PDB file of all heavy atoms in Angstrom:
ATOM      1  N   ARG A   1     -12.720 -16.115  75.100  1.00  0.00           N
ATOM      2  CA  ARG A   1     -11.456 -16.326  75.874  1.00  0.00           C
ATOM      3  C   ARG A   1     -10.677 -15.033  76.046  1.00  0.00           C
ATOM      4  O   ARG A   1      -9.852 -14.923  76.913  1.00  0.00           O
ATOM      5  CB  ARG A   1     -10.610 -17.405  75.253  1.00  0.00           C
ATOM      6  CG  ARG A   1     -11.307 -18.753  75.307  1.00  0.00           C
ATOM      7  CD  ARG A   1     -10.417 -19.888  74.883  1.00  0.00           C
ATOM      8  NE  ARG A   1     -11.153 -21.141  74.805  1.00  0.00           N
ATOM      9  CZ  ARG A   1     -11.572 -21.876  75.860  1.00  0.00           C
ATOM     10  NH1 ARG A   1     -11.279 -21.473  77.056  1.00  0.00           N
ATOM     11  NH2 ARG A   1     -12.204 -22.955  75.686  1.00  0.00           N
ATOM     12  N   SER A   2     -10.934 -14.034  75.159  1.00  0.00           N
ATOM     13  CA  SER A   2     -10.243 -12.784  75.297  1.00  0.00           C
ATOM     14  C   SER A   2     -11.267 -11.655  75.609  1.00  0.00           C
ATOM     15  O   SER A   2     -10.967 -10.770  76.410  1.00  0.00           O
ATOM     16  CB  SER A   2      -9.410 -12.435  74.012  1.00  0.00           C
ATOM     17  OG  SER A   2     -10.239 -12.491  72.881  1.00  0.00           O
ATOM     18  N   GLY A   3     -12.429 -11.672  74.971  1.00  0.00           N
ATOM     19  CA  GLY A   3     -13.450 -10.643  75.208  1.00  0.00           C
ATOM     20  C   GLY A   3     -13.015  -9.242  74.720  1.00  0.00           C
ATOM     21  O   GLY A   3     -12.135  -9.101  73.880  1.00  0.00           O
ATOM     22  N   PRO A   4     -13.609  -8.201  75.332  1.00  0.00           N
ATOM     23  CA  PRO A   4     -13.268  -6.834  74.920  1.00  0.00           C
ATOM     24  C   PRO A   4     -11.874  -6.475  75.417  1.00  0.00           C
ATOM     25  O   PRO A   4     -11.280  -7.165  76.320  1.00  0.00           O
ATOM     26  CB  PRO A   4     -14.317  -5.962  75.598  1.00  0.00           C
ATOM     27  CG  PRO A   4     -14.746  -6.780  76.774  1.00  0.00           C
ATOM     28  CD  PRO A   4     -14.650  -8.219  76.353  1.00  0.00           C
ATOM     29  N   ARG A   5     -11.320  -5.432  74.906  1.00  0.00           N
ATOM     30  CA  ARG A   5      -9.931  -5.036  75.127  1.00  0.00           C
ATOM     31  C   ARG A   5      -9.574  -4.924  76.654  1.00  0.00           C
ATOM     32  O   ARG A   5      -8.522  -5.346  77.102  1.00  0.00           O
ATOM     33  CB  ARG A   5      -9.619  -3.708  74.452  1.00  0.00           C
ATOM     34  CG  ARG A   5      -8.185  -3.260  74.615  1.00  0.00           C
ATOM     35  CD  ARG A   5      -7.894  -2.045  73.789  1.00  0.00           C
ATOM     36  NE  ARG A   5      -8.041  -2.424  72.405  1.00  0.00           N
ATOM     37  CZ  ARG A   5      -7.876  -1.592  71.401  1.00  0.00           C
ATOM     38  NH1 ARG A   5      -7.617  -0.349  71.620  1.00  0.00           N
ATOM     39  NH2 ARG A   5      -8.002  -2.037  70.144  1.00  0.00           N
ATOM     40  N   ALA A   6     -10.493  -4.329  77.476  1.00  0.00           N
ATOM     41  CA  ALA A   6     -10.196  -4.085  78.885  1.00  0.00           C
ATOM     42  C   ALA A   6     -10.370  -5.328  79.793  1.00  0.00           C
ATOM     43  O   ALA A   6      -9.928  -5.324  80.921  1.00  0.00           O
ATOM     44  CB  ALA A   6     -11.040  -2.986  79.423  1.00  0.00           C
ATOM     45  N   ALA A   7     -10.924  -6.377  79.230  1.00  0.00           N
ATOM     46  CA  ALA A   7     -11.149  -7.603  80.011  1.00  0.00           C
ATOM     47  C   ALA A   7      -9.880  -8.395  80.194  1.00  0.00           C
ATOM     48  O   ALA A   7      -8.955  -8.339  79.397  1.00  0.00           O
ATOM     49  CB  ALA A   7     -12.209  -8.480  79.341  1.00  0.00           C
ATOM     50  N   ARG A   8      -9.865  -9.209  81.254  1.00  0.00           N
ATOM     51  CA  ARG A   8      -8.790 -10.182  81.526  1.00  0.00           C
ATOM     52  C   ARG A   8      -9.517 -11.468  81.909  1.00  0.00           C
ATOM     53  O   ARG A   8     -10.002 -11.608  83.022  1.00  0.00           O
ATOM     54  CB  ARG A   8      -7.811  -9.742  82.591  1.00  0.00           C
ATOM     55  CG  ARG A   8      -6.670 -10.671  82.708  1.00  0.00           C
ATOM     56  CD  ARG A   8      -5.735 -10.265  83.835  1.00  0.00           C
ATOM     57  NE  ARG A   8      -6.351 -10.523  85.127  1.00  0.00           N
ATOM     58  CZ  ARG A   8      -6.667  -9.634  86.052  1.00  0.00           C
ATOM     59  NH1 ARG A   8      -6.398  -8.372  85.843  1.00  0.00           N
ATOM     60  NH2 ARG A   8      -7.270  -9.964  87.178  1.00  0.00           N
ATOM     61  N   VAL A   9      -9.615 -12.388  80.959  1.00  0.00           N
ATOM     62  CA  VAL A   9     -10.332 -13.642  81.224  1.00  0.00           C
ATOM     63  C   VAL A   9      -9.364 -14.658  81.828  1.00  0.00           C
ATOM     64  O   VAL A   9      -8.314 -14.944  81.240  1.00  0.00           O
ATOM     65  CB  VAL A   9     -10.922 -14.227  79.923  1.00  0.00           C
ATOM     66  CG1 VAL A   9     -11.573 -15.562  80.111  1.00  0.00           C
ATOM     67  CG2 VAL A   9     -11.916 -13.233  79.274  1.00  0.00           C
ATOM     68  N   ASN A  10      -9.722 -15.113  83.052  1.00  0.00           N
ATOM     69  CA  ASN A  10      -8.922 -16.112  83.717  1.00  0.00           C
ATOM     70  C   ASN A  10      -9.415 -17.536  83.436  1.00  0.00           C
ATOM     71  O   ASN A  10      -8.629 -18.477  83.519  1.00  0.00           O
ATOM     72  CB  ASN A  10      -8.915 -15.907  85.245  1.00  0.00           C
ATOM     73  CG  ASN A  10      -8.203 -14.627  85.625  1.00  0.00           C
ATOM     74  OD1 ASN A  10      -7.404 -14.100  84.883  1.00  0.00           O
ATOM     75  ND2 ASN A  10      -8.532 -14.190  86.861  1.00  0.00           N
ATOM     76  N   GLY A  11     -10.672 -17.672  83.120  1.00  0.00           N
ATOM     77  CA  GLY A  11     -11.241 -18.974  82.868  1.00  0.00           C
ATOM     78  C   GLY A  11     -12.590 -18.926  82.165  1.00  0.00           C
ATOM     79  O   GLY A  11     -13.326 -17.936  82.315  1.00  0.00           O
ATOM     80  N   ILE A  12     -12.886 -19.966  81.445  1.00  0.00           N
ATOM     81  CA  ILE A  12     -14.173 -20.088  80.814  1.00  0.00           C
ATOM     82  C   ILE A  12     -14.629 -21.534  80.908  1.00  0.00           C
ATOM     83  O   ILE A  12     -13.841 -22.417  80.605  1.00  0.00           O
ATOM     84  CB  ILE A  12     -14.142 -19.609  79.331  1.00  0.00           C
ATOM     85  CG1 ILE A  12     -15.535 -19.733  78.698  1.00  0.00           C
ATOM     86  CG2 ILE A  12     -13.108 -20.319  78.550  1.00  0.00           C
ATOM     87  CD1 ILE A  12     -15.656 -19.089  77.326  1.00  0.00           C
ATOM     88  N   GLU A  13     -15.793 -21.696  81.471  1.00  0.00           N
ATOM     89  CA  GLU A  13     -16.394 -23.050  81.650  1.00  0.00           C
ATOM     90  C   GLU A  13     -17.661 -23.115  80.840  1.00  0.00           C
ATOM     91  O   GLU A  13     -18.449 -22.130  80.881  1.00  0.00           O
ATOM     92  CB  GLU A  13     -16.658 -23.334  83.080  1.00  0.00           C
ATOM     93  CG  GLU A  13     -15.404 -23.401  83.959  1.00  0.00           C
ATOM     94  CD  GLU A  13     -15.760 -23.678  85.387  1.00  0.00           C
ATOM     95  OE1 GLU A  13     -16.882 -24.172  85.697  1.00  0.00           O
ATOM     96  OE2 GLU A  13     -14.883 -23.410  86.261  1.00  0.00           O
ATOM     97  N   TYR A  14     -17.866 -24.167  80.065  1.00  0.00           N
ATOM     98  CA  TYR A  14     -19.124 -24.311  79.357  1.00  0.00           C
ATOM     99  C   TYR A  14     -19.496 -25.756  79.223  1.00  0.00           C
ATOM    100  O   TYR A  14     -18.637 -26.641  79.292  1.00  0.00           O
ATOM    101  CB  TYR A  14     -19.059 -23.607  78.001  1.00  0.00           C
ATOM    102  CG  TYR A  14     -18.024 -24.221  77.046  1.00  0.00           C
ATOM    103  CD1 TYR A  14     -18.452 -25.222  76.164  1.00  0.00           C
ATOM    104  CD2 TYR A  14     -16.727 -23.780  77.001  1.00  0.00           C
ATOM    105  CE1 TYR A  14     -17.560 -25.822  75.283  1.00  0.00           C
ATOM    106  CE2 TYR A  14     -15.821 -24.358  76.131  1.00  0.00           C
ATOM    107  CZ  TYR A  14     -16.225 -25.338  75.264  1.00  0.00           C
ATOM    108  OH  TYR A  14     -15.338 -25.932  74.387  1.00  0.00           O
ATOM    109  N   ALA A  15     -20.809 -25.967  79.117  1.00  0.00           N
ATOM    110  CA  ALA A  15     -21.356 -27.310  78.902  1.00  0.00           C
ATOM    111  C   ALA A  15     -22.556 -27.203  77.989  1.00  0.00           C
ATOM    112  O   ALA A  15     -23.322 -26.268  78.083  1.00  0.00           O
ATOM    113  CB  ALA A  15     -21.723 -27.869  80.243  1.00  0.00           C
ATOM    114  N   GLU A  16     -22.706 -28.176  77.133  1.00  0.00           N
ATOM    115  CA  GLU A  16     -23.907 -28.253  76.329  1.00  0.00           C
ATOM    116  C   GLU A  16     -25.071 -28.520  77.222  1.00  0.00           C
ATOM    117  O   GLU A  16     -25.011 -29.179  78.223  1.00  0.00           O
ATOM    118  CB  GLU A  16     -23.811 -29.306  75.228  1.00  0.00           C
ATOM    119  CG  GLU A  16     -22.827 -28.894  74.122  1.00  0.00           C
ATOM    120  CD  GLU A  16     -22.897 -29.769  72.909  1.00  0.00           C
ATOM    121  OE1 GLU A  16     -24.067 -30.171  72.508  1.00  0.00           O
ATOM    122  OE2 GLU A  16     -21.834 -30.107  72.367  1.00  0.00           O
ATOM    123  N   THR A  17     -26.241 -27.970  76.822  1.00  0.00           N
ATOM    124  CA  THR A  17     -27.469 -28.111  77.597  1.00  0.00           C
ATOM    125  C   THR A  17     -28.614 -28.269  76.640  1.00  0.00           C
ATOM    126  O   THR A  17     -28.511 -27.979  75.458  1.00  0.00           O
ATOM    127  CB  THR A  17     -27.677 -26.915  78.539  1.00  0.00           C
ATOM    128  OG1 THR A  17     -28.846 -27.104  79.323  1.00  0.00           O
ATOM    129  CG2 THR A  17     -27.791 -25.610  77.781  1.00  0.00           C
ATOM    130  N   VAL A  18     -29.744 -28.718  77.174  1.00  0.00           N
ATOM    131  CA  VAL A  18     -30.970 -28.832  76.339  1.00  0.00           C
ATOM    132  C   VAL A  18     -31.898 -27.672  76.538  1.00  0.00           C
ATOM    133  O   VAL A  18     -32.945 -27.551  75.912  1.00  0.00           O
ATOM    134  CB  VAL A  18     -31.736 -30.185  76.633  1.00  0.00           C
ATOM    135  CG1 VAL A  18     -30.883 -31.344  76.213  1.00  0.00           C
ATOM    136  CG2 VAL A  18     -32.114 -30.270  78.090  1.00  0.00           C
ATOM    137  N   GLU A  19     -31.559 -26.743  77.434  1.00  0.00           N
ATOM    138  CA  GLU A  19     -32.394 -25.531  77.692  1.00  0.00           C
ATOM    139  C   GLU A  19     -32.507 -24.767  76.379  1.00  0.00           C
ATOM    140  O   GLU A  19     -31.542 -24.477  75.743  1.00  0.00           O
ATOM    141  CB  GLU A  19     -31.792 -24.652  78.801  1.00  0.00           C
ATOM    142  CG  GLU A  19     -32.700 -23.484  79.156  1.00  0.00           C
ATOM    143  CD  GLU A  19     -32.165 -22.654  80.252  1.00  0.00           C
ATOM    144  OE1 GLU A  19     -31.411 -23.195  81.136  1.00  0.00           O
ATOM    145  OE2 GLU A  19     -32.426 -21.437  80.249  1.00  0.00           O
ATOM    146  N   ALA A  20     -33.722 -24.417  76.014  1.00  0.00           N
ATOM    147  CA  ALA A  20     -33.993 -23.686  74.751  1.00  0.00           C
ATOM    148  C   ALA A  20     -34.063 -22.193  75.078  1.00  0.00           C
ATOM    149  O   ALA A  20     -34.457 -21.771  76.178  1.00  0.00           O
ATOM    150  CB  ALA A  20     -35.214 -24.164  74.107  1.00  0.00           C
ATOM    151  N   THR A  21     -33.746 -21.372  74.098  1.00  0.00           N
ATOM    152  CA  THR A  21     -33.861 -19.930  74.170  1.00  0.00           C
ATOM    153  C   THR A  21     -34.716 -19.481  72.952  1.00  0.00           C
ATOM    154  O   THR A  21     -34.769 -20.149  71.941  1.00  0.00           O
ATOM    155  CB  THR A  21     -32.499 -19.221  74.136  1.00  0.00           C
ATOM    156  OG1 THR A  21     -31.879 -19.507  72.865  1.00  0.00           O
ATOM    157  CG2 THR A  21     -31.607 -19.641  75.249  1.00  0.00           C
ATOM    158  N   PRO A  22     -35.404 -18.330  73.122  1.00  0.00           N
ATOM    159  CA  PRO A  22     -36.223 -17.887  71.973  1.00  0.00           C
ATOM    160  C   PRO A  22     -35.368 -17.620  70.756  1.00  0.00           C
ATOM    161  O   PRO A  22     -34.317 -16.966  70.849  1.00  0.00           O
ATOM    162  CB  PRO A  22     -36.823 -16.555  72.532  1.00  0.00           C
ATOM    163  CG  PRO A  22     -36.763 -16.657  73.983  1.00  0.00           C
ATOM    164  CD  PRO A  22     -35.521 -17.503  74.272  1.00  0.00           C
ATOM    165  N   ALA A  23     -35.716 -18.170  69.635  1.00  0.00           N
ATOM    166  CA  ALA A  23     -34.951 -18.043  68.408  1.00  0.00           C
ATOM    167  C   ALA A  23     -34.808 -16.584  68.003  1.00  0.00           C
ATOM    168  O   ALA A  23     -35.755 -15.841  68.041  1.00  0.00           O
ATOM    169  CB  ALA A  23     -35.612 -18.820  67.278  1.00  0.00           C
ATOM    170  N   GLY A  24     -33.624 -16.259  67.598  1.00  0.00           N
ATOM    171  CA  GLY A  24     -33.333 -14.941  67.046  1.00  0.00           C
ATOM    172  C   GLY A  24     -33.180 -13.799  68.074  1.00  0.00           C
ATOM    173  O   GLY A  24     -33.024 -12.671  67.688  1.00  0.00           O
ATOM    174  N   GLU A  25     -33.239 -14.169  69.348  1.00  0.00           N
ATOM    175  CA  GLU A  25     -33.100 -13.135  70.401  1.00  0.00           C
ATOM    176  C   GLU A  25     -31.891 -13.390  71.250  1.00  0.00           C
ATOM    177  O   GLU A  25     -31.625 -14.529  71.648  1.00  0.00           O
ATOM    178  CB  GLU A  25     -34.286 -13.155  71.362  1.00  0.00           C
ATOM    179  CG  GLU A  25     -35.606 -12.578  70.824  1.00  0.00           C
ATOM    180  CD  GLU A  25     -36.598 -12.530  71.914  1.00  0.00           C
ATOM    181  OE1 GLU A  25     -36.398 -11.834  72.905  1.00  0.00           O
ATOM    182  OE2 GLU A  25     -37.621 -13.166  71.740  1.00  0.00           O
ATOM    183  N   PHE A  26     -31.117 -12.357  71.526  1.00  0.00           N
ATOM    184  CA  PHE A  26     -30.023 -12.452  72.462  1.00  0.00           C
ATOM    185  C   PHE A  26     -30.205 -11.247  73.392  1.00  0.00           C
ATOM    186  O   PHE A  26     -30.127 -10.123  72.972  1.00  0.00           O
ATOM    187  CB  PHE A  26     -28.634 -12.409  71.792  1.00  0.00           C
ATOM    188  CG  PHE A  26     -27.580 -12.969  72.681  1.00  0.00           C
ATOM    189  CD1 PHE A  26     -27.288 -14.307  72.653  1.00  0.00           C
ATOM    190  CD2 PHE A  26     -26.923 -12.147  73.618  1.00  0.00           C
ATOM    191  CE1 PHE A  26     -26.310 -14.848  73.515  1.00  0.00           C
ATOM    192  CE2 PHE A  26     -26.023 -12.661  74.470  1.00  0.00           C
ATOM    193  CZ  PHE A  26     -25.679 -14.011  74.415  1.00  0.00           C
TER     194      PHE A  26
END
């Protein structure tokens, strides 16, 4: 909702999903 210092977040939308991602990787 705030992010890094220079960012200005106006909105954040999120929803739970069943899509899987590889474990331990971002």
